[in-house]
Amino acid sequence: MIQFDAVKHDIFHPNQLGGICQRSTEDAGLILTHLVQAEWVKGLQTSVLAFDIAQFFPSINHDMFMAVLRRQGFSSILVDFFASYLVGCSMVYCWNTFQSDSRSADVGVGQGSALSHVISGLFIAPVMKLFYIKAAPLNTTLLSFVDDGTILAQSKQLDDNNVGLRKAYKIIYLLFVAFALVLEHDKTELFYFLRRRDAYNPLLDLGYTPHTGATL
């Protein structure tokens, strides 16, 4: 029901995939393939920067999530439900015959819980929309798949793509910081989709350790 209302009222961004009804891994692959091939027809090159959010589910800030729900227009009843749903949690570690004492788990969101993907989708939605506002002059595309994301830059020159990717990455990084999330810079990867195997493959100075200098 929550997902239905979110889709009905355009709360999710169209480029949010995974964890949302009828938006799967296959959809992400199809979108990426279409974007690459459509730009090839126009004589443009595609560069893709893939990034990962560090410890996404355990890091979701409860107060921030409540604020996001209110901003998205959900009823106070639903907000109160999630406020109580995310507290008073505990967990037990088990290994073979060993079982630990119960420990408090009043942080983040349980990754395997029934509502974890709904929560993650709602939490990421404003980040996606703010990115497209702030990065509008860069002509880049952002795709989100739960706790992973890709930024696409397309132009005639790969060097121009890299300029756009660096600026777009800074925007998404600062947005996640504002939402109390952290990007794992060392897991960031750069891909070029080229027709020729011997084509020029420039390195990218992302501006964040370990990818400073021409290292990515």
N, C-alpha and C. Protein backbone atom coordinates (compact mmCIF):
# COMPACT_ATOMS: atom_id res chain seq x y z
N MET A 1 0.82 -1.20 0.00
CA MET A 1 0.00 0.00 0.00
C MET A 1 0.87 1.27 0.00
N ILE A 2 1.97 1.23 0.80
CA ILE A 2 2.86 2.38 0.86
C ILE A 2 3.50 2.61 -0.50
N GLN A 3 3.98 1.52 -1.12
CA GLN A 3 4.58 1.64 -2.45
C GLN A 3 3.57 2.14 -3.47
N PHE A 4 2.34 1.63 -3.39
CA PHE A 4 1.30 2.05 -4.33
C PHE A 4 1.09 3.56 -4.25
N ASP A 5 0.96 4.08 -3.03
CA ASP A 5 0.74 5.52 -2.86
C ASP A 5 1.95 6.32 -3.34
N ALA A 6 3.16 5.80 -3.06
CA ALA A 6 4.37 6.51 -3.47
C ALA A 6 4.48 6.59 -4.99
N VAL A 7 4.15 5.50 -5.67
CA VAL A 7 4.18 5.49 -7.14
C VAL A 7 3.07 6.37 -7.70
N LYS A 8 1.88 6.26 -7.12
CA LYS A 8 0.72 7.03 -7.58
C LYS A 8 0.98 8.53 -7.53
N HIS A 9 1.65 8.98 -6.48
CA HIS A 9 1.86 10.41 -6.28
C HIS A 9 3.26 10.87 -6.69
N ASP A 10 3.95 10.04 -7.48
CA ASP A 10 5.27 10.39 -8.04
C ASP A 10 6.29 10.75 -6.97
N ILE A 11 6.25 10.05 -5.85
CA ILE A 11 7.25 10.28 -4.80
C ILE A 11 8.59 9.67 -5.20
N PHE A 12 8.54 8.47 -5.77
CA PHE A 12 9.77 7.86 -6.28
C PHE A 12 10.17 8.56 -7.57
N HIS A 13 11.48 8.71 -7.76
CA HIS A 13 11.97 9.23 -9.03
C HIS A 13 11.89 8.12 -10.08
N PRO A 14 11.61 8.46 -11.35
CA PRO A 14 11.53 7.41 -12.38
C PRO A 14 12.80 6.58 -12.52
N ASN A 15 13.95 7.13 -12.14
CA ASN A 15 15.21 6.41 -12.27
C ASN A 15 15.60 5.65 -11.01
N GLN A 16 14.66 5.53 -10.07
CA GLN A 16 14.87 4.66 -8.91
C GLN A 16 14.45 3.25 -9.27
N LEU A 17 15.37 2.30 -9.14
CA LEU A 17 15.11 0.92 -9.54
C LEU A 17 15.48 -0.01 -8.38
N GLY A 18 14.83 -1.15 -8.32
CA GLY A 18 15.13 -2.10 -7.27
C GLY A 18 14.40 -1.76 -5.98
N GLY A 19 13.77 -2.77 -5.37
CA GLY A 19 13.03 -2.55 -4.13
C GLY A 19 11.70 -1.87 -4.35
N ILE A 20 11.34 -1.62 -5.60
CA ILE A 20 10.07 -0.98 -5.95
C ILE A 20 9.34 -1.89 -6.93
N CYS A 21 8.06 -2.04 -6.76
CA CYS A 21 7.27 -2.93 -7.62
C CYS A 21 7.48 -2.60 -9.09
N GLN A 22 7.73 -3.63 -9.89
CA GLN A 22 7.87 -3.53 -11.34
C GLN A 22 9.09 -2.69 -11.76
N ARG A 23 10.10 -2.60 -10.91
CA ARG A 23 11.36 -1.94 -11.26
C ARG A 23 12.49 -2.83 -10.79
N SER A 24 13.01 -3.64 -11.71
CA SER A 24 13.93 -4.71 -11.33
C SER A 24 15.34 -4.48 -11.88
N THR A 25 16.22 -5.45 -11.62
CA THR A 25 17.57 -5.42 -12.16
C THR A 25 17.54 -5.39 -13.68
N GLU A 26 16.62 -6.15 -14.27
CA GLU A 26 16.51 -6.17 -15.73
C GLU A 26 16.18 -4.79 -16.28
N ASP A 27 15.34 -4.05 -15.57
CA ASP A 27 15.00 -2.69 -16.00
C ASP A 27 16.23 -1.80 -16.00
N ALA A 28 17.07 -1.94 -14.97
CA ALA A 28 18.29 -1.13 -14.90
C ALA A 28 19.20 -1.43 -16.08
N GLY A 29 19.33 -2.72 -16.43
CA GLY A 29 20.15 -3.10 -17.57
C GLY A 29 19.60 -2.59 -18.89
N LEU A 30 18.28 -2.66 -19.04
CA LEU A 30 17.64 -2.20 -20.27
C LEU A 30 17.79 -0.68 -20.44
N ILE A 31 17.63 0.06 -19.35
CA ILE A 31 17.77 1.52 -19.42
C ILE A 31 19.18 1.90 -19.81
N LEU A 32 20.17 1.27 -19.17
CA LEU A 32 21.56 1.57 -19.47
C LEU A 32 21.89 1.23 -20.92
N THR A 33 21.45 0.06 -21.38
CA THR A 33 21.70 -0.35 -22.77
C THR A 33 21.07 0.63 -23.76
N HIS A 34 19.84 1.04 -23.47
CA HIS A 34 19.15 1.99 -24.36
C HIS A 34 19.90 3.32 -24.42
N LEU A 35 20.31 3.83 -23.26
CA LEU A 35 21.00 5.12 -23.24
C LEU A 35 22.31 5.07 -24.01
N VAL A 36 23.04 3.99 -23.84
CA VAL A 36 24.33 3.85 -24.54
C VAL A 36 24.12 3.78 -26.05
N GLN A 37 23.24 2.90 -26.49
CA GLN A 37 23.05 2.70 -27.93
C GLN A 37 22.39 3.90 -28.60
N ALA A 38 21.48 4.58 -27.89
CA ALA A 38 20.84 5.76 -28.47
C ALA A 38 21.86 6.86 -28.72
N GLU A 39 22.84 7.01 -27.82
CA GLU A 39 23.86 8.05 -27.99
C GLU A 39 24.89 7.65 -29.03
N TRP A 40 25.14 6.35 -29.21
CA TRP A 40 26.03 5.90 -30.28
C TRP A 40 25.50 6.36 -31.64
N VAL A 41 24.19 6.25 -31.80
CA VAL A 41 23.57 6.68 -33.07
C VAL A 41 23.85 8.16 -33.33
N LYS A 42 23.93 8.94 -32.26
CA LYS A 42 24.19 10.38 -32.38
C LYS A 42 25.67 10.71 -32.44
N GLY A 43 26.52 9.67 -32.36
CA GLY A 43 27.95 9.90 -32.39
C GLY A 43 28.52 10.33 -31.05
N LEU A 44 27.82 10.04 -29.96
CA LEU A 44 28.27 10.43 -28.64
C LEU A 44 28.85 9.25 -27.86
N GLN A 45 29.77 9.55 -26.96
CA GLN A 45 30.40 8.54 -26.12
C GLN A 45 29.74 8.53 -24.75
N THR A 46 29.69 7.36 -24.11
CA THR A 46 29.06 7.24 -22.79
C THR A 46 30.08 6.81 -21.75
N SER A 47 30.13 7.55 -20.65
CA SER A 47 30.96 7.19 -19.50
C SER A 47 30.04 6.98 -18.30
N VAL A 48 30.35 5.97 -17.50
CA VAL A 48 29.51 5.62 -16.35
C VAL A 48 30.37 5.54 -15.10
N LEU A 49 29.94 6.23 -14.06
CA LEU A 49 30.61 6.19 -12.76
C LEU A 49 29.68 5.47 -11.78
N ALA A 50 30.12 4.31 -11.30
CA ALA A 50 29.32 3.51 -10.37
C ALA A 50 29.80 3.77 -8.94
N PHE A 51 28.86 3.98 -8.01
CA PHE A 51 29.23 4.26 -6.62
C PHE A 51 28.39 3.43 -5.67
N ASP A 52 28.86 3.36 -4.43
CA ASP A 52 28.20 2.54 -3.41
C ASP A 52 28.08 3.33 -2.12
N ILE A 53 26.93 3.20 -1.45
CA ILE A 53 26.71 3.86 -0.17
C ILE A 53 27.20 2.94 0.94
N ALA A 54 28.06 3.45 1.80
CA ALA A 54 28.63 2.65 2.88
C ALA A 54 27.58 2.30 3.92
N GLN A 55 27.45 1.00 4.24
CA GLN A 55 26.55 0.54 5.31
C GLN A 55 25.20 1.26 5.25
N PHE A 56 24.57 1.17 4.08
CA PHE A 56 23.37 1.96 3.83
C PHE A 56 22.25 1.70 4.83
N PHE A 57 21.80 0.45 4.91
CA PHE A 57 20.65 0.15 5.77
C PHE A 57 20.92 0.46 7.25
N PRO A 58 22.08 0.07 7.80
CA PRO A 58 22.33 0.40 9.21
C PRO A 58 22.54 1.89 9.46
N SER A 59 22.76 2.68 8.39
CA SER A 59 23.08 4.09 8.56
C SER A 59 21.88 5.03 8.39
N ILE A 60 20.73 4.50 8.01
CA ILE A 60 19.57 5.37 7.79
C ILE A 60 19.18 6.04 9.11
N ASN A 61 19.22 7.36 9.12
CA ASN A 61 18.93 8.14 10.31
C ASN A 61 17.41 8.20 10.53
N HIS A 62 16.97 7.78 11.71
CA HIS A 62 15.54 7.70 11.99
C HIS A 62 14.86 9.07 11.94
N ASP A 63 15.47 10.07 12.57
CA ASP A 63 14.87 11.40 12.59
C ASP A 63 14.78 11.98 11.18
N MET A 64 15.83 11.75 10.39
CA MET A 64 15.82 12.23 9.01
C MET A 64 14.72 11.53 8.21
N PHE A 65 14.56 10.24 8.44
CA PHE A 65 13.53 9.49 7.72
C PHE A 65 12.13 9.99 8.07
N MET A 66 11.90 10.31 9.34
CA MET A 66 10.60 10.85 9.73
C MET A 66 10.34 12.18 9.03
N ALA A 67 11.39 13.02 8.96
CA ALA A 67 11.26 14.31 8.29
C ALA A 67 10.96 14.13 6.80
N VAL A 68 11.60 13.13 6.19
CA VAL A 68 11.36 12.84 4.77
C VAL A 68 9.92 12.41 4.55
N LEU A 69 9.41 11.54 5.41
CA LEU A 69 8.02 11.08 5.27
C LEU A 69 7.03 12.24 5.39
N ARG A 70 7.28 13.12 6.34
CA ARG A 70 6.38 14.27 6.50
C ARG A 70 6.44 15.16 5.27
N ARG A 71 7.65 15.39 4.76
CA ARG A 71 7.82 16.23 3.57
C ARG A 71 7.14 15.63 2.36
N GLN A 72 7.12 14.30 2.30
CA GLN A 72 6.51 13.62 1.16
C GLN A 72 4.99 13.58 1.27
N GLY A 73 4.44 14.02 2.39
CA GLY A 73 3.00 14.14 2.52
C GLY A 73 2.28 12.95 3.12
N PHE A 74 3.03 12.01 3.68
CA PHE A 74 2.37 10.86 4.30
C PHE A 74 1.66 11.28 5.59
N SER A 75 0.64 10.55 5.96
CA SER A 75 -0.17 10.89 7.12
C SER A 75 0.63 10.76 8.41
N SER A 76 0.21 11.48 9.43
CA SER A 76 0.87 11.41 10.73
C SER A 76 0.77 10.01 11.33
N ILE A 77 -0.27 9.28 10.96
CA ILE A 77 -0.43 7.91 11.46
C ILE A 77 0.70 7.02 10.95
N LEU A 78 1.02 7.16 9.66
CA LEU A 78 2.10 6.37 9.08
C LEU A 78 3.45 6.79 9.67
N VAL A 79 3.65 8.08 9.83
CA VAL A 79 4.90 8.58 10.41
C VAL A 79 5.07 8.03 11.82
N ASP A 80 4.01 8.06 12.61
CA ASP A 80 4.06 7.54 13.98
C ASP A 80 4.33 6.04 13.99
N PHE A 81 3.76 5.34 13.00
CA PHE A 81 4.01 3.90 12.92
C PHE A 81 5.49 3.62 12.72
N PHE A 82 6.10 4.30 11.75
CA PHE A 82 7.51 4.06 11.50
C PHE A 82 8.37 4.53 12.67
N ALA A 83 7.96 5.58 13.33
CA ALA A 83 8.72 6.07 14.48
C ALA A 83 8.80 5.01 15.58
N SER A 84 7.71 4.25 15.76
CA SER A 84 7.70 3.19 16.77
C SER A 84 8.28 1.89 16.22
N TYR A 85 8.12 1.67 14.91
CA TYR A 85 8.62 0.45 14.27
C TYR A 85 10.14 0.36 14.34
N LEU A 86 10.81 1.50 14.31
CA LEU A 86 12.27 1.52 14.22
C LEU A 86 12.96 1.62 15.58
N VAL A 87 12.22 1.54 16.67
CA VAL A 87 12.83 1.59 18.00
C VAL A 87 12.48 0.33 18.79
N GLY A 88 13.26 0.10 19.84
CA GLY A 88 13.00 -1.07 20.67
C GLY A 88 13.41 -2.36 20.01
N CYS A 89 14.26 -2.29 18.99
CA CYS A 89 14.70 -3.49 18.28
C CYS A 89 15.92 -4.10 18.98
N SER A 90 16.07 -5.40 18.87
CA SER A 90 17.22 -6.09 19.43
C SER A 90 17.62 -7.22 18.50
N MET A 91 18.83 -7.73 18.70
CA MET A 91 19.30 -8.82 17.85
C MET A 91 20.17 -9.77 18.66
N VAL A 92 20.29 -10.99 18.16
CA VAL A 92 21.10 -12.03 18.79
C VAL A 92 22.01 -12.62 17.72
N TYR A 93 23.29 -12.75 18.01
CA TYR A 93 24.25 -13.34 17.09
C TYR A 93 24.33 -14.85 17.35
N CYS A 94 24.21 -15.62 16.28
CA CYS A 94 24.29 -17.07 16.40
C CYS A 94 25.37 -17.62 15.48
N TRP A 95 26.16 -18.56 16.00
CA TRP A 95 27.20 -19.21 15.18
C TRP A 95 27.31 -20.65 15.64
N ASN A 96 26.86 -21.57 14.78
CA ASN A 96 26.77 -22.99 15.15
C ASN A 96 25.95 -23.12 16.44
N THR A 97 26.55 -23.58 17.52
CA THR A 97 25.79 -23.75 18.76
C THR A 97 25.90 -22.53 19.69
N PHE A 98 26.73 -21.55 19.27
CA PHE A 98 26.89 -20.36 20.11
C PHE A 98 25.76 -19.37 19.87
N GLN A 99 25.27 -18.77 20.93
CA GLN A 99 24.25 -17.72 20.84
C GLN A 99 24.58 -16.63 21.84
N SER A 100 24.68 -15.39 21.33
CA SER A 100 25.04 -14.27 22.18
C SER A 100 23.84 -13.79 22.98
N ASP A 101 24.12 -12.89 23.91
CA ASP A 101 23.04 -12.21 24.62
C ASP A 101 22.32 -11.25 23.66
N SER A 102 21.11 -10.90 23.98
CA SER A 102 20.36 -9.94 23.16
C SER A 102 21.01 -8.56 23.26
N ARG A 103 21.15 -7.91 22.11
CA ARG A 103 21.79 -6.60 22.06
C ARG A 103 20.86 -5.58 21.39
N SER A 104 20.93 -4.37 21.84
CA SER A 104 20.10 -3.31 21.28
C SER A 104 20.47 -3.05 19.82
N ALA A 105 19.46 -2.82 18.98
CA ALA A 105 19.68 -2.54 17.56
C ALA A 105 18.81 -1.36 17.12
N ASP A 106 18.83 -0.31 17.92
CA ASP A 106 18.00 0.86 17.64
C ASP A 106 18.69 1.84 16.69
N VAL A 107 19.34 1.31 15.68
CA VAL A 107 19.98 2.16 14.68
C VAL A 107 19.65 1.63 13.30
N GLY A 108 19.57 2.54 12.33
CA GLY A 108 19.36 2.13 10.96
C GLY A 108 18.08 1.34 10.75
N VAL A 109 18.12 0.50 9.70
CA VAL A 109 16.98 -0.33 9.32
C VAL A 109 17.51 -1.73 9.05
N GLY A 110 16.84 -2.73 9.56
CA GLY A 110 17.26 -4.11 9.30
C GLY A 110 17.19 -4.43 7.82
N GLN A 111 18.32 -4.86 7.23
CA GLN A 111 18.37 -5.06 5.79
C GLN A 111 17.42 -6.16 5.32
N GLY A 112 17.18 -7.14 6.15
CA GLY A 112 16.32 -8.24 5.73
C GLY A 112 14.87 -8.08 6.12
N SER A 113 14.50 -6.96 6.70
CA SER A 113 13.12 -6.78 7.15
C SER A 113 12.18 -6.57 5.97
N ALA A 114 10.92 -6.83 6.20
CA ALA A 114 9.92 -6.75 5.12
C ALA A 114 9.79 -5.33 4.57
N LEU A 115 10.06 -4.32 5.39
CA LEU A 115 9.86 -2.94 4.97
C LEU A 115 11.16 -2.23 4.60
N SER A 116 12.29 -2.92 4.65
CA SER A 116 13.57 -2.26 4.44
C SER A 116 13.68 -1.62 3.06
N HIS A 117 13.20 -2.30 2.02
CA HIS A 117 13.33 -1.75 0.67
C HIS A 117 12.37 -0.58 0.45
N VAL A 118 11.21 -0.63 1.08
CA VAL A 118 10.28 0.50 0.98
C VAL A 118 10.89 1.72 1.65
N ILE A 119 11.44 1.50 2.84
CA ILE A 119 12.08 2.60 3.57
C ILE A 119 13.24 3.18 2.78
N SER A 120 14.07 2.32 2.22
CA SER A 120 15.23 2.80 1.46
C SER A 120 14.80 3.60 0.25
N GLY A 121 13.77 3.14 -0.43
CA GLY A 121 13.29 3.86 -1.61
C GLY A 121 12.76 5.24 -1.28
N LEU A 122 11.99 5.33 -0.20
CA LEU A 122 11.45 6.63 0.22
C LEU A 122 12.56 7.56 0.68
N PHE A 123 13.58 7.00 1.34
CA PHE A 123 14.67 7.81 1.87
C PHE A 123 15.54 8.38 0.75
N ILE A 124 15.74 7.59 -0.31
CA ILE A 124 16.60 8.01 -1.43
C ILE A 124 15.86 8.96 -2.38
N ALA A 125 14.54 8.89 -2.43
CA ALA A 125 13.76 9.66 -3.40
C ALA A 125 14.10 11.16 -3.42
N PRO A 126 14.15 11.85 -2.28
CA PRO A 126 14.48 13.28 -2.34
C PRO A 126 15.91 13.55 -2.79
N VAL A 127 16.83 12.62 -2.51
CA VAL A 127 18.21 12.78 -2.99
C VAL A 127 18.23 12.77 -4.51
N MET A 128 17.48 11.83 -5.09
CA MET A 128 17.41 11.74 -6.55
C MET A 128 16.87 13.03 -7.15
N LYS A 129 15.78 13.53 -6.59
CA LYS A 129 15.15 14.72 -7.15
C LYS A 129 16.01 15.97 -6.98
N LEU A 130 16.69 16.09 -5.83
CA LEU A 130 17.58 17.22 -5.61
C LEU A 130 18.78 17.17 -6.54
N PHE A 131 19.26 15.96 -6.82
CA PHE A 131 20.39 15.83 -7.73
C PHE A 131 20.04 16.40 -9.11
N TYR A 132 18.87 16.05 -9.62
CA TYR A 132 18.49 16.50 -10.96
C TYR A 132 18.27 18.01 -11.02
N ILE A 133 17.97 18.62 -9.89
CA ILE A 133 17.86 20.08 -9.86
C ILE A 133 19.25 20.71 -9.86
N LYS A 134 20.12 20.21 -8.99
CA LYS A 134 21.45 20.79 -8.83
C LYS A 134 22.38 20.47 -10.01
N ALA A 135 22.20 19.31 -10.63
CA ALA A 135 23.09 18.88 -11.70
C ALA A 135 22.52 19.14 -13.09
N ALA A 136 21.44 19.90 -13.18
CA ALA A 136 20.79 20.14 -14.47
C ALA A 136 21.74 20.66 -15.55
N PRO A 137 22.66 21.59 -15.25
CA PRO A 137 23.55 22.11 -16.29
C PRO A 137 24.58 21.09 -16.79
N LEU A 138 24.76 19.99 -16.07
CA LEU A 138 25.81 19.03 -16.41
C LEU A 138 25.39 18.01 -17.46
N ASN A 139 24.10 17.91 -17.73
CA ASN A 139 23.60 16.95 -18.71
C ASN A 139 24.04 15.53 -18.38
N THR A 140 23.85 15.14 -17.11
CA THR A 140 24.17 13.79 -16.67
C THR A 140 22.89 13.07 -16.25
N THR A 141 22.98 11.74 -16.18
CA THR A 141 21.84 10.91 -15.79
C THR A 141 22.22 10.11 -14.56
N LEU A 142 21.34 10.09 -13.57
CA LEU A 142 21.57 9.32 -12.34
C LEU A 142 20.58 8.17 -12.27
N LEU A 143 21.11 6.96 -12.06
CA LEU A 143 20.29 5.78 -11.83
C LEU A 143 20.57 5.26 -10.43
N SER A 144 19.53 4.89 -9.70
CA SER A 144 19.70 4.37 -8.34
C SER A 144 19.12 2.97 -8.24
N PHE A 145 19.89 2.07 -7.62
CA PHE A 145 19.41 0.71 -7.38
C PHE A 145 19.65 0.38 -5.91
N VAL A 146 18.69 0.72 -5.06
CA VAL A 146 18.74 0.55 -3.62
C VAL A 146 19.95 1.31 -3.06
N ASP A 147 21.05 0.60 -2.72
CA ASP A 147 22.20 1.29 -2.13
C ASP A 147 23.35 1.48 -3.10
N ASP A 148 23.09 1.26 -4.38
CA ASP A 148 24.10 1.49 -5.42
C ASP A 148 23.57 2.53 -6.40
N GLY A 149 24.48 3.21 -7.06
CA GLY A 149 24.07 4.21 -8.04
C GLY A 149 25.05 4.31 -9.18
N THR A 150 24.60 4.84 -10.29
CA THR A 150 25.46 5.11 -11.44
C THR A 150 25.14 6.48 -12.00
N ILE A 151 26.19 7.20 -12.36
CA ILE A 151 26.05 8.49 -13.02
C ILE A 151 26.54 8.34 -14.44
N LEU A 152 25.73 8.72 -15.41
CA LEU A 152 26.09 8.63 -16.82
C LEU A 152 26.35 10.02 -17.38
N ALA A 153 27.45 10.14 -18.10
CA ALA A 153 27.75 11.38 -18.83
C ALA A 153 27.94 11.01 -20.29
N GLN A 154 27.38 11.82 -21.20
CA GLN A 154 27.42 11.52 -22.62
C GLN A 154 27.74 12.77 -23.42
N SER A 155 28.78 12.67 -24.23
CA SER A 155 29.19 13.77 -25.10
C SER A 155 30.09 13.21 -26.20
N LYS A 156 30.63 14.07 -27.01
CA LYS A 156 31.50 13.60 -28.10
C LYS A 156 32.89 13.23 -27.61
N GLN A 157 33.31 13.79 -26.47
CA GLN A 157 34.65 13.56 -25.96
C GLN A 157 34.60 12.96 -24.56
N LEU A 158 35.41 11.91 -24.33
CA LEU A 158 35.44 11.29 -23.01
C LEU A 158 36.00 12.23 -21.95
N ASP A 159 36.92 13.09 -22.34
CA ASP A 159 37.46 14.06 -21.38
C ASP A 159 36.37 14.99 -20.88
N ASP A 160 35.46 15.37 -21.76
CA ASP A 160 34.34 16.22 -21.36
C ASP A 160 33.41 15.44 -20.42
N ASN A 161 33.22 14.16 -20.70
CA ASN A 161 32.42 13.32 -19.80
C ASN A 161 33.01 13.30 -18.40
N ASN A 162 34.34 13.17 -18.32
CA ASN A 162 34.99 13.09 -17.02
C ASN A 162 34.81 14.37 -16.21
N VAL A 163 34.82 15.50 -16.88
CA VAL A 163 34.58 16.78 -16.19
C VAL A 163 33.18 16.77 -15.57
N GLY A 164 32.21 16.34 -16.36
CA GLY A 164 30.83 16.28 -15.86
C GLY A 164 30.67 15.27 -14.73
N LEU A 165 31.34 14.11 -14.85
CA LEU A 165 31.23 13.08 -13.81
C LEU A 165 31.82 13.55 -12.49
N ARG A 166 32.95 14.24 -12.57
CA ARG A 166 33.57 14.74 -11.34
C ARG A 166 32.65 15.73 -10.63
N LYS A 167 32.05 16.64 -11.38
CA LYS A 167 31.15 17.63 -10.79
C LYS A 167 29.88 16.96 -10.25
N ALA A 168 29.35 16.00 -11.00
CA ALA A 168 28.13 15.31 -10.58
C ALA A 168 28.38 14.47 -9.34
N TYR A 169 29.55 13.85 -9.26
CA TYR A 169 29.88 13.03 -8.10
C TYR A 169 29.96 13.90 -6.84
N LYS A 170 30.52 15.08 -6.97
CA LYS A 170 30.59 15.98 -5.82
C LYS A 170 29.19 16.36 -5.35
N ILE A 171 28.29 16.60 -6.29
CA ILE A 171 26.92 16.95 -5.92
C ILE A 171 26.25 15.81 -5.17
N ILE A 172 26.37 14.59 -5.69
CA ILE A 172 25.71 13.46 -5.04
C ILE A 172 26.36 13.17 -3.70
N TYR A 173 27.67 13.36 -3.60
CA TYR A 173 28.38 13.15 -2.34
C TYR A 173 27.86 14.11 -1.27
N LEU A 174 27.75 15.39 -1.60
CA LEU A 174 27.29 16.39 -0.64
C LEU A 174 25.82 16.17 -0.25
N LEU A 175 25.02 15.70 -1.19
CA LEU A 175 23.63 15.39 -0.87
C LEU A 175 23.54 14.25 0.13
N PHE A 176 24.33 13.21 -0.09
CA PHE A 176 24.31 12.10 0.85
C PHE A 176 24.82 12.51 2.22
N VAL A 177 25.83 13.37 2.26
CA VAL A 177 26.31 13.88 3.54
C VAL A 177 25.18 14.61 4.28
N ALA A 178 24.40 15.41 3.54
CA ALA A 178 23.28 16.13 4.14
C ALA A 178 22.22 15.17 4.68
N PHE A 179 22.14 13.97 4.11
CA PHE A 179 21.18 12.97 4.57
C PHE A 179 21.82 11.95 5.50
N ALA A 180 23.01 12.32 6.03
CA ALA A 180 23.74 11.49 7.00
C ALA A 180 24.14 10.13 6.43
N LEU A 181 24.48 10.10 5.14
CA LEU A 181 24.98 8.90 4.50
C LEU A 181 26.37 9.17 3.93
N VAL A 182 27.14 8.10 3.73
CA VAL A 182 28.52 8.24 3.29
C VAL A 182 28.77 7.35 2.07
N LEU A 183 29.46 7.90 1.07
CA LEU A 183 29.85 7.10 -0.09
C LEU A 183 31.17 6.40 0.19
N GLU A 184 31.28 5.17 -0.29
CA GLU A 184 32.55 4.44 -0.19
C GLU A 184 33.37 4.77 -1.44
N HIS A 185 34.25 5.77 -1.32
CA HIS A 185 35.00 6.22 -2.49
C HIS A 185 35.85 5.11 -3.10
N ASP A 186 36.37 4.20 -2.27
CA ASP A 186 37.25 3.16 -2.80
C ASP A 186 36.49 2.10 -3.60
N LYS A 187 35.17 2.11 -3.55
CA LYS A 187 34.37 1.18 -4.35
C LYS A 187 33.85 1.81 -5.65
N THR A 188 34.19 3.08 -5.86
CA THR A 188 33.73 3.77 -7.06
C THR A 188 34.49 3.22 -8.28
N GLU A 189 33.76 3.00 -9.37
CA GLU A 189 34.37 2.45 -10.59
C GLU A 189 33.93 3.26 -11.80
N LEU A 190 34.84 3.38 -12.76
CA LEU A 190 34.58 4.13 -13.99
C LEU A 190 34.55 3.18 -15.17
N PHE A 191 33.54 3.33 -16.02
CA PHE A 191 33.39 2.48 -17.20
C PHE A 191 33.17 3.35 -18.43
N TYR A 192 33.76 2.94 -19.54
CA TYR A 192 33.51 3.58 -20.83
C TYR A 192 32.83 2.57 -21.75
N PHE A 193 31.78 3.00 -22.41
CA PHE A 193 31.08 2.15 -23.37
C PHE A 193 31.43 2.65 -24.77
N LEU A 194 32.40 1.94 -25.37
CA LEU A 194 32.96 2.37 -26.65
C LEU A 194 32.78 1.26 -27.69
N ARG A 195 32.74 1.66 -28.94
CA ARG A 195 32.61 0.68 -30.02
C ARG A 195 33.95 0.08 -30.40
N ARG A 196 35.03 0.81 -30.16
CA ARG A 196 36.36 0.32 -30.52
C ARG A 196 37.13 -0.06 -29.27
N ARG A 197 37.76 -1.24 -29.28
CA ARG A 197 38.50 -1.72 -28.13
C ARG A 197 39.79 -0.92 -27.91
N ASP A 198 40.34 -0.38 -28.97
CA ASP A 198 41.61 0.35 -28.86
C ASP A 198 41.38 1.85 -28.70
N ALA A 199 40.16 2.23 -28.33
CA ALA A 199 39.83 3.65 -28.20
C ALA A 199 40.53 4.26 -26.99
N TYR A 200 40.56 5.57 -26.96
CA TYR A 200 41.17 6.35 -25.89
C TYR A 200 40.40 6.14 -24.59
N ASN A 201 41.11 5.83 -23.50
CA ASN A 201 40.49 5.59 -22.20
C ASN A 201 41.14 6.49 -21.14
N PRO A 202 40.69 7.72 -21.02
CA PRO A 202 41.33 8.64 -20.06
C PRO A 202 41.03 8.25 -18.61
N LEU A 203 41.99 8.53 -17.72
CA LEU A 203 41.79 8.31 -16.30
C LEU A 203 41.04 9.50 -15.70
N LEU A 204 40.47 9.28 -14.53
CA LEU A 204 39.65 10.32 -13.90
C LEU A 204 40.16 10.64 -12.51
N ASP A 205 40.43 11.91 -12.27
CA ASP A 205 40.72 12.40 -10.92
C ASP A 205 39.39 12.76 -10.28
N LEU A 206 38.93 11.89 -9.38
CA LEU A 206 37.60 12.08 -8.79
C LEU A 206 37.60 13.17 -7.73
N GLY A 207 38.78 13.42 -7.15
CA GLY A 207 38.87 14.47 -6.14
C GLY A 207 38.72 13.99 -4.72
N TYR A 208 38.52 12.67 -4.53
CA TYR A 208 38.39 12.11 -3.20
C TYR A 208 39.30 10.90 -3.08
N THR A 209 39.95 10.78 -1.93
CA THR A 209 40.83 9.63 -1.67
C THR A 209 40.02 8.33 -1.73
N PRO A 210 40.50 7.28 -2.39
CA PRO A 210 41.83 7.12 -2.97
C PRO A 210 41.95 7.60 -4.42
N HIS A 211 40.87 8.14 -4.97
CA HIS A 211 40.88 8.51 -6.40
C HIS A 211 41.23 9.98 -6.59
N THR A 212 42.43 10.34 -6.15
CA THR A 212 42.95 11.67 -6.44
C THR A 212 44.12 11.51 -7.41
N GLY A 213 44.25 12.46 -8.31
CA GLY A 213 45.18 12.25 -9.42
C GLY A 213 44.51 11.36 -10.43
N ALA A 214 45.22 10.99 -11.47
CA ALA A 214 44.65 10.15 -12.53
C ALA A 214 44.71 8.68 -12.10
N THR A 215 43.78 8.29 -11.23
CA THR A 215 43.83 6.94 -10.65
C THR A 215 42.62 6.09 -10.96
N LEU A 216 41.55 6.67 -11.46
CA LEU A 216 40.32 5.89 -11.64
C LEU A 216 40.10 5.59 -13.11
